[in-house]
Amino acid sequence: MNAIRFNQSIGRTFHISRIAEAAQIGDPNHVITTESGYSTALGVTSGAVGVTENVQAALTTRMLLEQYRHGIDRTYIYEMYDLATNPSATISRDNWGLFRSDGTPKPVAVGIHNLTSLLSKNESSYVESSLDYDVSARATVHHMLFQRGDGDYALVLWNEVNSWNVT
């Protein structure tokens, strides 16, 4: 198993090259990422700068889809709860959570819940099959087709564009 660390301070191009690098080091069929996520500490001005909660949600769900599309076995998100209650904190590590420190869900938790709910239907009375489809879109639009547990298909589309300007 090969592990790589991914967080917001690493750009997408670098991230994709790290996946290929990790696959060359060991078993290319078992690559995982750890400490994946985005901080919402908006007071941080260098390094892993913070993003808004809505941007954290968009980037995290897109990251999960991109990593799965590139063959990542597992993605470990950092972390479950924020360590601080102040989103304008100047300490990045305090605000990486899926939930605020008081336990309320941030948009990222809702987004992941919605994505997994759409893709999972826990019924086992279907036969796996394939579906031919075609997507014509600009190069930044990515897509994946999933067959759910009830046999229905879900086509997921996302646009790989900048969602946050750190300057």
Foldseek 3Di string as FASTA:
>chain_A
DFEAEDEDLDDPVRVLVVLVVRCVVDPNQEYEYEQYFAFLQCQAQDRRHHDHLVVRQQVVVVVVVVCVVSNHPYYYYPDAEAQDQDSNDHDRSRGGHCAYNVGHGGNNVVSVVVVVVVAEDQAQPDDDDDDDDDDDDDPQKDWDWGQYNVRDIDIDIDGNDDDDDSD
